[in-house]
N, C-alpha and C. Protein backbone atom coordinates (compact mmCIF):
# COMPACT_ATOMS: atom_id res chain seq x y z
N UNK A 1 254.37 136.30 24.39
CA UNK A 1 253.49 136.57 25.53
C UNK A 1 252.35 137.49 25.10
N UNK A 2 251.16 137.21 25.63
CA UNK A 2 250.00 138.04 25.33
C UNK A 2 249.48 138.69 26.61
N UNK A 3 248.82 139.84 26.43
CA UNK A 3 248.25 140.57 27.54
C UNK A 3 246.73 140.49 27.44
N UNK A 4 246.09 139.92 28.47
CA UNK A 4 244.64 139.74 28.45
C UNK A 4 244.02 140.12 29.79
N UNK A 5 242.72 140.32 29.77
CA UNK A 5 241.96 140.55 31.00
C UNK A 5 241.54 139.20 31.59
N UNK A 6 241.63 139.04 32.90
CA UNK A 6 241.07 137.84 33.52
C UNK A 6 239.55 137.97 33.58
N UNK A 7 238.86 137.17 32.83
CA UNK A 7 237.41 137.27 32.72
C UNK A 7 236.74 135.99 33.21
N UNK A 8 235.44 136.05 33.38
CA UNK A 8 234.67 134.95 33.97
C UNK A 8 234.26 133.96 32.87
N UNK A 9 234.84 132.76 32.89
CA UNK A 9 234.59 131.75 31.86
C UNK A 9 234.56 132.44 30.49
N UNK A 10 235.73 132.90 30.10
CA UNK A 10 235.92 133.82 28.98
C UNK A 10 235.23 133.38 27.69
N UNK A 11 234.95 134.36 26.81
CA UNK A 11 234.41 134.03 25.49
C UNK A 11 235.42 133.23 24.69
N UNK A 12 234.93 132.48 23.75
CA UNK A 12 235.76 131.57 22.95
C UNK A 12 236.91 132.31 22.28
N UNK A 13 236.65 133.52 21.76
CA UNK A 13 237.67 134.25 21.02
C UNK A 13 238.91 134.50 21.87
N UNK A 14 238.72 134.70 23.19
CA UNK A 14 239.88 134.91 24.05
C UNK A 14 240.72 133.65 24.14
N UNK A 15 240.07 132.50 24.15
CA UNK A 15 240.83 131.25 24.20
C UNK A 15 241.44 130.88 22.85
N UNK A 16 240.90 131.42 21.77
CA UNK A 16 241.59 131.28 20.48
C UNK A 16 242.96 131.95 20.57
N UNK A 17 242.97 133.17 21.12
CA UNK A 17 244.24 133.88 21.29
C UNK A 17 245.17 133.15 22.26
N UNK A 18 244.61 132.67 23.36
CA UNK A 18 245.41 131.98 24.37
C UNK A 18 246.02 130.69 23.82
N UNK A 19 245.24 129.97 23.02
CA UNK A 19 245.71 128.68 22.49
C UNK A 19 246.91 128.84 21.55
N UNK A 20 247.13 130.06 21.06
CA UNK A 20 248.23 130.30 20.13
C UNK A 20 249.43 130.95 20.82
N UNK A 21 249.42 130.94 22.17
CA UNK A 21 250.48 131.58 22.93
C UNK A 21 251.07 130.63 23.95
N UNK A 22 252.32 130.90 24.34
CA UNK A 22 252.97 130.10 25.37
C UNK A 22 252.96 130.77 26.73
N UNK A 23 252.70 132.07 26.74
CA UNK A 23 252.73 132.82 28.00
C UNK A 23 251.59 133.84 28.02
N UNK A 24 250.98 133.97 29.21
CA UNK A 24 249.88 134.93 29.39
C UNK A 24 250.25 135.89 30.51
N UNK A 25 250.02 137.17 30.27
CA UNK A 25 250.12 138.16 31.33
C UNK A 25 248.73 138.73 31.56
N UNK A 26 248.22 138.61 32.78
CA UNK A 26 246.90 139.12 33.12
C UNK A 26 247.00 140.57 33.60
N UNK A 27 246.20 141.43 33.00
CA UNK A 27 246.10 142.81 33.46
C UNK A 27 245.20 142.86 34.70
N UNK A 28 245.79 143.19 35.83
CA UNK A 28 245.01 143.22 37.08
C UNK A 28 245.04 144.59 37.75
N UNK A 29 245.76 145.55 37.15
CA UNK A 29 245.92 146.87 37.75
C UNK A 29 245.04 147.93 37.10
N UNK A 30 244.16 147.54 36.21
CA UNK A 30 243.28 148.49 35.54
C UNK A 30 242.07 148.81 36.41
N UNK A 31 241.31 149.82 36.02
CA UNK A 31 240.06 150.14 36.70
C UNK A 31 238.94 149.24 36.18
N UNK A 32 238.10 148.80 37.09
CA UNK A 32 236.96 147.96 36.71
C UNK A 32 236.02 148.73 35.78
N UNK A 33 235.54 148.06 34.74
CA UNK A 33 234.62 148.66 33.79
C UNK A 33 233.38 147.80 33.66
N UNK A 34 232.23 148.46 33.51
CA UNK A 34 230.98 147.76 33.29
C UNK A 34 230.91 147.22 31.87
N UNK A 35 229.95 146.33 31.65
CA UNK A 35 229.65 145.78 30.33
C UNK A 35 230.89 145.15 29.68
N UNK A 36 231.63 144.43 30.50
CA UNK A 36 232.74 143.64 29.99
C UNK A 36 232.57 142.21 30.50
N UNK A 37 233.42 141.33 30.00
CA UNK A 37 233.37 139.93 30.42
C UNK A 37 234.09 139.70 31.76
N UNK A 38 234.50 140.77 32.42
CA UNK A 38 235.13 140.60 33.73
C UNK A 38 234.20 139.86 34.68
N UNK A 39 232.92 140.17 34.64
CA UNK A 39 231.97 139.54 35.57
C UNK A 39 230.73 138.99 34.87
N UNK A 40 230.91 138.55 33.63
CA UNK A 40 229.77 137.96 32.93
C UNK A 40 230.25 137.00 31.85
N UNK A 41 229.35 136.11 31.47
CA UNK A 41 229.58 135.27 30.30
C UNK A 41 228.22 134.93 29.70
N UNK A 42 228.25 134.42 28.48
CA UNK A 42 227.01 134.06 27.80
C UNK A 42 227.04 132.58 27.44
N UNK A 43 225.92 131.92 27.71
CA UNK A 43 225.78 130.51 27.37
C UNK A 43 224.56 130.32 26.48
N UNK A 44 224.31 129.08 26.06
CA UNK A 44 223.19 128.75 25.17
C UNK A 44 222.16 127.97 25.98
N UNK A 45 220.97 128.54 26.11
CA UNK A 45 219.87 127.83 26.78
C UNK A 45 218.75 127.57 25.78
N UNK A 46 217.69 126.95 26.24
CA UNK A 46 216.54 126.67 25.36
C UNK A 46 215.93 127.95 24.81
N UNK A 47 216.15 129.08 25.50
CA UNK A 47 215.62 130.37 25.05
C UNK A 47 216.60 131.15 24.20
N UNK A 48 217.78 130.60 23.95
CA UNK A 48 218.78 131.28 23.14
C UNK A 48 219.96 131.76 23.98
N UNK A 49 220.58 132.85 23.56
CA UNK A 49 221.75 133.41 24.25
C UNK A 49 221.34 133.92 25.62
N UNK A 50 222.07 133.47 26.64
CA UNK A 50 221.66 133.76 28.03
C UNK A 50 222.83 134.31 28.82
N UNK A 51 222.60 135.39 29.54
CA UNK A 51 223.64 136.04 30.34
C UNK A 51 223.75 135.41 31.72
N UNK A 52 224.98 135.09 32.12
CA UNK A 52 225.30 134.75 33.50
C UNK A 52 226.15 135.88 34.05
N UNK A 53 225.63 136.59 35.03
CA UNK A 53 226.29 137.77 35.57
C UNK A 53 226.70 137.54 37.02
N UNK A 54 227.94 137.88 37.34
CA UNK A 54 228.43 137.80 38.71
C UNK A 54 228.24 139.18 39.34
N UNK A 55 227.34 139.34 40.30
CA UNK A 55 227.13 140.66 40.92
C UNK A 55 228.33 141.06 41.77
N UNK A 56 228.66 142.33 41.71
CA UNK A 56 229.81 142.82 42.46
C UNK A 56 229.41 143.98 43.36
N UNK A 57 230.21 144.20 44.39
CA UNK A 57 229.98 145.31 45.31
C UNK A 57 230.72 146.54 44.80
N UNK A 58 229.95 147.61 44.57
CA UNK A 58 230.58 148.83 44.07
C UNK A 58 229.94 150.06 44.70
N UNK A 59 230.77 151.04 44.99
CA UNK A 59 230.27 152.33 45.45
C UNK A 59 230.09 153.23 44.24
N UNK A 60 228.88 153.73 44.06
CA UNK A 60 228.56 154.54 42.89
C UNK A 60 229.49 155.74 42.79
N UNK A 61 230.08 155.90 41.61
CA UNK A 61 230.94 157.04 41.36
C UNK A 61 232.37 156.88 41.85
N UNK A 62 232.68 155.75 42.48
CA UNK A 62 234.02 155.51 43.00
C UNK A 62 234.74 154.49 42.11
N UNK A 63 235.89 154.88 41.59
CA UNK A 63 236.65 153.97 40.75
C UNK A 63 237.33 152.91 41.61
N UNK A 64 237.29 151.69 41.12
CA UNK A 64 237.96 150.58 41.79
C UNK A 64 238.86 149.85 40.81
N UNK A 65 240.00 149.42 41.29
CA UNK A 65 240.81 148.55 40.46
C UNK A 65 240.12 147.19 40.36
N UNK A 66 240.27 146.56 39.22
CA UNK A 66 239.65 145.25 39.03
C UNK A 66 240.04 144.27 40.14
N UNK A 67 241.28 144.32 40.56
CA UNK A 67 241.76 143.36 41.57
C UNK A 67 241.13 143.59 42.94
N UNK A 68 240.53 144.78 43.14
CA UNK A 68 239.93 145.11 44.44
C UNK A 68 238.42 144.90 44.49
N UNK A 69 237.82 144.54 43.37
CA UNK A 69 236.36 144.39 43.30
C UNK A 69 235.93 143.12 44.03
N UNK A 70 234.97 143.29 44.95
CA UNK A 70 234.46 142.16 45.73
C UNK A 70 233.14 141.66 45.16
N UNK A 71 232.91 140.36 45.31
CA UNK A 71 231.69 139.72 44.80
C UNK A 71 230.56 139.89 45.81
N UNK A 72 229.36 140.06 45.30
CA UNK A 72 228.15 140.20 46.13
C UNK A 72 227.40 138.86 46.11
N UNK A 73 227.20 138.26 47.27
CA UNK A 73 226.56 136.94 47.34
C UNK A 73 225.14 136.98 47.90
N UNK A 74 224.55 138.15 48.01
CA UNK A 74 223.25 138.21 48.68
C UNK A 74 222.16 137.44 47.93
N UNK A 75 222.33 137.22 46.63
CA UNK A 75 221.32 136.50 45.84
C UNK A 75 221.76 135.09 45.45
N UNK A 76 222.83 134.59 46.05
CA UNK A 76 223.32 133.23 45.75
C UNK A 76 223.47 133.00 44.25
N UNK A 77 224.10 133.96 43.57
CA UNK A 77 224.28 133.86 42.12
C UNK A 77 225.01 132.58 41.73
N UNK A 78 225.94 132.13 42.58
CA UNK A 78 226.73 130.95 42.24
C UNK A 78 225.86 129.71 42.12
N UNK A 79 224.87 129.58 43.02
CA UNK A 79 223.95 128.45 42.95
C UNK A 79 223.06 128.55 41.69
N UNK A 80 222.65 129.78 41.38
CA UNK A 80 221.83 129.99 40.19
C UNK A 80 222.61 129.68 38.92
N UNK A 81 223.86 130.10 38.85
CA UNK A 81 224.68 129.81 37.67
C UNK A 81 224.83 128.31 37.46
N UNK A 82 225.12 127.60 38.54
CA UNK A 82 225.30 126.14 38.42
C UNK A 82 223.99 125.49 37.98
N UNK A 83 222.88 125.90 38.57
CA UNK A 83 221.58 125.34 38.20
C UNK A 83 221.27 125.61 36.73
N UNK A 84 221.58 126.80 36.25
CA UNK A 84 221.33 127.17 34.85
C UNK A 84 222.20 126.35 33.91
N UNK A 85 223.45 126.14 34.28
CA UNK A 85 224.35 125.32 33.45
C UNK A 85 223.85 123.88 33.37
N UNK A 86 223.39 123.35 34.50
CA UNK A 86 222.88 121.98 34.50
C UNK A 86 221.65 121.87 33.59
N UNK A 87 220.74 122.84 33.70
CA UNK A 87 219.54 122.83 32.86
C UNK A 87 219.90 122.95 31.38
N UNK A 88 220.87 123.80 31.07
CA UNK A 88 221.21 124.07 29.67
C UNK A 88 222.04 122.95 29.04
N UNK A 89 222.94 122.35 29.80
CA UNK A 89 223.94 121.49 29.18
C UNK A 89 223.93 120.03 29.66
N UNK A 90 223.00 119.65 30.50
CA UNK A 90 223.03 118.28 31.02
C UNK A 90 222.93 117.23 29.91
N UNK A 91 222.33 117.61 28.79
CA UNK A 91 222.21 116.66 27.67
C UNK A 91 223.34 116.80 26.65
N UNK A 92 224.28 117.70 26.90
CA UNK A 92 225.41 117.88 25.97
C UNK A 92 226.38 116.71 26.11
N UNK A 93 227.17 116.44 25.07
CA UNK A 93 228.00 115.22 25.07
C UNK A 93 229.02 115.13 26.20
N UNK A 94 229.57 116.27 26.66
CA UNK A 94 230.69 116.20 27.59
C UNK A 94 230.41 116.92 28.92
N UNK A 95 229.15 117.21 29.20
CA UNK A 95 228.84 117.92 30.44
C UNK A 95 229.30 117.13 31.66
N UNK A 96 228.91 115.88 31.75
CA UNK A 96 229.26 115.07 32.92
C UNK A 96 230.76 114.82 33.01
N UNK A 97 231.44 114.89 31.89
CA UNK A 97 232.89 114.66 31.86
C UNK A 97 233.64 115.79 32.56
N UNK A 98 233.10 117.03 32.47
CA UNK A 98 233.83 118.20 32.98
C UNK A 98 233.22 118.86 34.22
N UNK A 99 231.94 118.68 34.46
CA UNK A 99 231.28 119.52 35.45
C UNK A 99 231.88 119.38 36.85
N UNK A 100 232.28 118.18 37.25
CA UNK A 100 232.85 118.00 38.59
C UNK A 100 234.13 118.82 38.77
N UNK A 101 234.92 118.95 37.70
CA UNK A 101 236.16 119.72 37.76
C UNK A 101 235.89 121.21 37.92
N UNK A 102 234.71 121.66 37.49
CA UNK A 102 234.39 123.08 37.52
C UNK A 102 233.67 123.51 38.80
N UNK A 103 233.25 122.56 39.61
CA UNK A 103 232.46 122.86 40.80
C UNK A 103 233.13 123.82 41.79
N UNK A 104 234.48 123.83 41.92
CA UNK A 104 235.09 124.78 42.85
C UNK A 104 234.74 126.24 42.56
N UNK A 105 234.41 126.57 41.33
CA UNK A 105 234.01 127.94 41.01
C UNK A 105 232.70 128.29 41.70
N UNK A 106 231.80 127.32 41.81
CA UNK A 106 230.46 127.58 42.31
C UNK A 106 230.28 127.22 43.79
N UNK A 107 231.11 126.33 44.30
CA UNK A 107 230.93 125.85 45.66
C UNK A 107 231.68 126.64 46.72
N UNK A 108 232.70 127.38 46.29
CA UNK A 108 233.46 128.20 47.23
C UNK A 108 233.09 129.66 47.05
N UNK A 109 232.88 130.37 48.14
CA UNK A 109 232.55 131.79 48.06
C UNK A 109 233.85 132.61 48.06
N UNK A 110 234.25 133.00 46.87
CA UNK A 110 235.45 133.82 46.73
C UNK A 110 235.12 135.26 47.08
N UNK A 111 236.02 135.91 47.79
CA UNK A 111 235.79 137.30 48.18
C UNK A 111 235.96 138.23 46.98
N UNK A 112 237.02 138.02 46.22
CA UNK A 112 237.36 138.93 45.13
C UNK A 112 237.05 138.33 43.76
N UNK A 113 236.54 139.18 42.88
CA UNK A 113 236.24 138.76 41.52
C UNK A 113 237.48 138.23 40.81
N UNK A 114 238.61 138.87 41.05
CA UNK A 114 239.85 138.44 40.39
C UNK A 114 240.18 136.99 40.73
N UNK A 115 240.03 136.61 41.98
CA UNK A 115 240.34 135.23 42.38
C UNK A 115 239.39 134.24 41.69
N UNK A 116 238.13 134.61 41.58
CA UNK A 116 237.16 133.76 40.89
C UNK A 116 237.55 133.59 39.43
N UNK A 117 237.91 134.68 38.77
CA UNK A 117 238.25 134.62 37.36
C UNK A 117 239.53 133.84 37.09
N UNK A 118 240.52 134.03 37.95
CA UNK A 118 241.77 133.29 37.78
C UNK A 118 241.55 131.80 38.00
N UNK A 119 240.68 131.45 38.95
CA UNK A 119 240.36 130.04 39.16
C UNK A 119 239.63 129.46 37.95
N UNK A 120 238.64 130.18 37.44
CA UNK A 120 237.90 129.67 36.28
C UNK A 120 238.84 129.49 35.10
N UNK A 121 239.78 130.42 34.94
CA UNK A 121 240.76 130.30 33.86
C UNK A 121 241.64 129.07 34.03
N UNK A 122 242.13 128.83 35.24
CA UNK A 122 243.00 127.68 35.47
C UNK A 122 242.26 126.37 35.25
N UNK A 123 241.01 126.31 35.67
CA UNK A 123 240.24 125.08 35.47
C UNK A 123 239.99 124.81 33.99
N UNK A 124 239.79 125.88 33.22
CA UNK A 124 239.61 125.71 31.78
C UNK A 124 240.91 125.26 31.12
N UNK A 125 242.03 125.86 31.52
CA UNK A 125 243.32 125.41 30.98
C UNK A 125 243.53 123.93 31.27
N UNK A 126 243.20 123.50 32.48
CA UNK A 126 243.35 122.09 32.85
C UNK A 126 242.44 121.21 31.99
N UNK A 127 241.21 121.65 31.78
CA UNK A 127 240.27 120.87 30.96
C UNK A 127 240.74 120.77 29.52
N UNK A 128 241.34 121.84 29.02
CA UNK A 128 241.85 121.85 27.64
C UNK A 128 243.21 121.17 27.54
N UNK A 129 243.80 120.84 28.69
CA UNK A 129 245.15 120.27 28.77
C UNK A 129 246.17 121.19 28.12
N UNK A 130 246.02 122.47 28.44
CA UNK A 130 246.95 123.50 27.96
C UNK A 130 247.91 123.87 29.09
N UNK A 131 249.18 123.75 28.84
CA UNK A 131 250.18 124.15 29.82
C UNK A 131 250.77 125.49 29.38
N UNK A 132 250.32 126.55 30.02
CA UNK A 132 250.74 127.89 29.66
C UNK A 132 251.17 128.64 30.91
N UNK A 133 252.31 129.29 30.84
CA UNK A 133 252.80 130.08 31.97
C UNK A 133 251.98 131.36 32.10
N UNK A 134 251.55 131.69 33.32
CA UNK A 134 250.77 132.90 33.54
C UNK A 134 251.46 133.80 34.55
N UNK A 135 251.38 135.11 34.31
CA UNK A 135 251.88 136.11 35.24
C UNK A 135 250.82 137.20 35.37
N UNK A 136 251.03 138.13 36.30
CA UNK A 136 250.12 139.26 36.49
C UNK A 136 250.91 140.56 36.44
N UNK A 137 250.25 141.61 35.97
CA UNK A 137 250.89 142.91 35.95
C UNK A 137 251.05 143.44 37.37
N UNK A 138 252.09 144.26 37.60
CA UNK A 138 252.26 144.91 38.90
C UNK A 138 252.03 146.41 38.80
N UNK A 139 251.70 146.88 37.62
CA UNK A 139 251.25 148.26 37.39
C UNK A 139 250.45 148.27 36.10
N UNK A 140 249.59 149.28 35.96
CA UNK A 140 248.76 149.34 34.77
C UNK A 140 249.61 149.60 33.53
N UNK A 141 249.39 148.82 32.49
CA UNK A 141 250.16 148.95 31.26
C UNK A 141 249.35 149.74 30.24
N UNK A 142 249.82 150.95 29.91
CA UNK A 142 249.14 151.76 28.91
C UNK A 142 249.56 151.35 27.51
N UNK A 143 250.85 151.29 27.29
CA UNK A 143 251.39 150.88 26.00
C UNK A 143 252.35 149.72 26.22
N UNK A 144 252.34 148.79 25.29
CA UNK A 144 253.13 147.58 25.47
C UNK A 144 253.60 147.01 24.14
N UNK A 145 254.70 146.30 24.19
CA UNK A 145 255.18 145.59 23.01
C UNK A 145 254.60 144.18 22.96
N UNK A 146 253.88 143.81 24.03
CA UNK A 146 253.21 142.51 24.03
C UNK A 146 252.04 142.52 23.06
N UNK A 147 251.59 141.37 22.66
CA UNK A 147 250.35 141.28 21.89
C UNK A 147 249.20 141.61 22.85
N UNK A 148 248.54 142.70 22.59
CA UNK A 148 247.56 143.24 23.53
C UNK A 148 246.15 142.82 23.13
N UNK A 149 245.58 141.87 23.90
CA UNK A 149 244.24 141.36 23.62
C UNK A 149 243.26 141.75 24.72
N UNK A 150 243.55 142.82 25.44
CA UNK A 150 242.65 143.25 26.50
C UNK A 150 241.28 143.64 25.95
N UNK A 151 241.24 144.05 24.70
CA UNK A 151 239.96 144.44 24.09
C UNK A 151 238.99 143.26 23.95
N UNK A 152 239.49 142.04 24.03
CA UNK A 152 238.62 140.86 23.90
C UNK A 152 237.71 140.69 25.12
N UNK A 153 237.95 141.50 26.16
CA UNK A 153 237.10 141.45 27.35
C UNK A 153 235.90 142.38 27.23
N UNK A 154 235.84 143.18 26.18
CA UNK A 154 234.73 144.14 26.01
C UNK A 154 233.52 143.40 25.45
N UNK A 155 232.41 143.48 26.17
CA UNK A 155 231.19 142.77 25.75
C UNK A 155 230.28 143.64 24.89
N UNK A 156 230.25 144.94 25.19
CA UNK A 156 229.33 145.83 24.47
C UNK A 156 229.92 146.23 23.13
N UNK A 157 229.15 145.98 22.07
CA UNK A 157 229.57 146.39 20.74
C UNK A 157 230.76 145.63 20.19
N UNK A 158 230.97 144.39 20.68
CA UNK A 158 232.10 143.62 20.18
C UNK A 158 231.88 143.26 18.71
N UNK A 159 232.95 143.09 17.93
CA UNK A 159 232.79 142.71 16.53
C UNK A 159 232.17 141.32 16.37
N UNK A 160 231.62 141.06 15.21
CA UNK A 160 231.03 139.74 14.93
C UNK A 160 232.13 138.79 14.49
N UNK A 161 232.73 138.09 15.43
CA UNK A 161 233.82 137.17 15.10
C UNK A 161 233.28 136.00 14.28
N UNK A 162 233.92 135.76 13.17
CA UNK A 162 233.47 134.72 12.24
C UNK A 162 234.05 133.37 12.64
N UNK A 163 233.60 132.87 13.76
CA UNK A 163 234.08 131.58 14.24
C UNK A 163 233.43 130.44 13.48
N UNK A 164 234.19 129.39 13.29
CA UNK A 164 233.68 128.21 12.58
C UNK A 164 232.57 127.55 13.40
N UNK A 165 231.54 127.12 12.73
CA UNK A 165 230.42 126.49 13.39
C UNK A 165 230.81 125.15 14.02
N UNK A 166 230.26 124.87 15.18
CA UNK A 166 230.28 123.55 15.77
C UNK A 166 228.85 123.27 16.24
N UNK A 167 228.51 122.04 16.49
CA UNK A 167 227.14 121.70 16.89
C UNK A 167 226.87 122.21 18.29
N UNK A 168 225.75 122.90 18.48
CA UNK A 168 225.34 123.41 19.78
C UNK A 168 224.03 122.75 20.20
N UNK A 169 223.82 122.65 21.50
CA UNK A 169 222.74 121.81 22.01
C UNK A 169 221.35 122.30 21.59
N UNK A 170 221.15 123.61 21.45
CA UNK A 170 219.84 124.13 21.05
C UNK A 170 219.88 124.80 19.67
N UNK A 171 220.83 124.38 18.86
CA UNK A 171 221.01 125.01 17.55
C UNK A 171 219.78 124.89 16.66
N UNK A 172 219.04 123.80 16.83
CA UNK A 172 217.85 123.61 16.00
C UNK A 172 216.78 124.66 16.28
N UNK A 173 216.87 125.29 17.45
CA UNK A 173 215.88 126.30 17.83
C UNK A 173 216.28 127.71 17.42
N UNK A 174 217.57 128.04 17.58
CA UNK A 174 218.00 129.42 17.40
C UNK A 174 219.19 129.57 16.48
N UNK A 175 219.64 128.50 15.85
CA UNK A 175 220.80 128.59 14.97
C UNK A 175 222.12 128.64 15.74
N UNK A 176 223.20 128.73 15.00
CA UNK A 176 224.52 128.77 15.61
C UNK A 176 224.78 130.15 16.21
N UNK A 177 225.20 130.18 17.48
CA UNK A 177 225.54 131.43 18.16
C UNK A 177 227.04 131.42 18.43
N UNK A 178 227.81 132.27 17.75
CA UNK A 178 229.27 132.25 17.92
C UNK A 178 229.73 132.99 19.18
N UNK A 179 230.94 132.66 19.60
CA UNK A 179 231.65 133.37 20.67
C UNK A 179 230.91 133.41 22.00
N UNK A 180 230.30 132.29 22.34
CA UNK A 180 229.75 132.16 23.68
C UNK A 180 230.89 131.86 24.65
N UNK A 181 230.54 131.61 25.90
CA UNK A 181 231.55 131.23 26.88
C UNK A 181 232.28 129.96 26.42
N UNK A 182 233.53 129.86 26.81
CA UNK A 182 234.32 128.65 26.52
C UNK A 182 233.61 127.40 27.03
N UNK A 183 232.73 127.54 28.03
CA UNK A 183 232.00 126.39 28.55
C UNK A 183 231.14 125.74 27.48
N UNK A 184 230.54 126.56 26.60
CA UNK A 184 229.71 126.01 25.54
C UNK A 184 230.52 125.10 24.64
N UNK A 185 231.67 125.56 24.23
CA UNK A 185 232.55 124.76 23.37
C UNK A 185 233.02 123.51 24.09
N UNK A 186 233.40 123.65 25.35
CA UNK A 186 233.93 122.52 26.10
C UNK A 186 232.88 121.43 26.28
N UNK A 187 231.66 121.81 26.66
CA UNK A 187 230.61 120.82 26.88
C UNK A 187 230.18 120.14 25.57
N UNK A 188 230.32 120.82 24.46
CA UNK A 188 229.90 120.26 23.17
C UNK A 188 231.00 119.48 22.46
N UNK A 189 232.24 119.98 22.56
CA UNK A 189 233.33 119.38 21.78
C UNK A 189 234.29 118.54 22.61
N UNK A 190 234.29 118.73 23.93
CA UNK A 190 235.13 117.91 24.78
C UNK A 190 236.61 117.99 24.41
N UNK A 191 237.30 116.85 24.30
CA UNK A 191 238.73 116.85 24.01
C UNK A 191 239.08 117.50 22.68
N UNK A 192 238.11 117.65 21.79
CA UNK A 192 238.37 118.30 20.50
C UNK A 192 238.34 119.82 20.60
N UNK A 193 237.98 120.36 21.76
CA UNK A 193 237.86 121.82 21.91
C UNK A 193 239.17 122.53 21.61
N UNK A 194 240.29 121.97 22.06
CA UNK A 194 241.58 122.62 21.81
C UNK A 194 241.90 122.62 20.32
N UNK A 195 241.62 121.52 19.64
CA UNK A 195 241.83 121.49 18.18
C UNK A 195 241.00 122.57 17.49
N UNK A 196 239.78 122.73 17.95
CA UNK A 196 238.91 123.77 17.39
C UNK A 196 239.54 125.15 17.57
N UNK A 197 239.99 125.45 18.78
CA UNK A 197 240.58 126.76 19.07
C UNK A 197 241.81 127.02 18.20
N UNK A 198 242.66 126.03 18.12
CA UNK A 198 243.93 126.20 17.38
C UNK A 198 243.69 126.30 15.88
N UNK A 199 242.56 125.80 15.41
CA UNK A 199 242.28 125.79 13.97
C UNK A 199 241.67 127.10 13.46
N UNK A 200 241.25 127.98 14.39
CA UNK A 200 240.63 129.24 13.98
C UNK A 200 241.69 130.17 13.38
N UNK A 201 241.40 130.67 12.20
CA UNK A 201 242.38 131.48 11.48
C UNK A 201 242.07 132.96 11.67
N UNK A 202 242.60 133.53 12.76
CA UNK A 202 242.34 134.92 13.08
C UNK A 202 243.61 135.72 13.10
N UNK A 203 243.54 136.91 12.55
CA UNK A 203 244.62 137.90 12.72
C UNK A 203 244.07 138.97 13.65
N UNK A 204 244.47 138.92 14.90
CA UNK A 204 243.92 139.82 15.90
C UNK A 204 244.53 141.23 15.73
């Protein structure tokens, strides 16, 4: 069993860890932190690496548990994210194959960020045809005997993961960009995405 953060269309490295496990425990009792993949992901657009950020409601200076963080919809971010994905990936080999399955993330207004992230995770597992048991923590885990991959949710200053190259839609413009959102790999590699994840030789 591995311990991970529920993040928004997680970076590829997190799914490398997930693909090598039979059970996932999601940390949901921690305090929300900025500059993590809890409410953001990165995709590849014609301009290069592009941030998709889910705005959240927060009171300045007040700590909130991740599970209690609510999404802010005043700017219709969900419509913008979907439009950006269509612009970026409509010409990718497997975009049309998967996009309809992912629409519930963008078409339903989820109140809590946690629910959005757990849904995005389940839809990705289904797309990868991965059957993995998932549970959630009922208290914050400081120390654990589980394989602890919560650090893979940190976006700021993350290490340069040496992921194997695959063809990306705008690679001719900006070169290969590793560890983007799992969506990038899925739209480009399709059914081979799971083989790619399982083939990565990482010692976390």
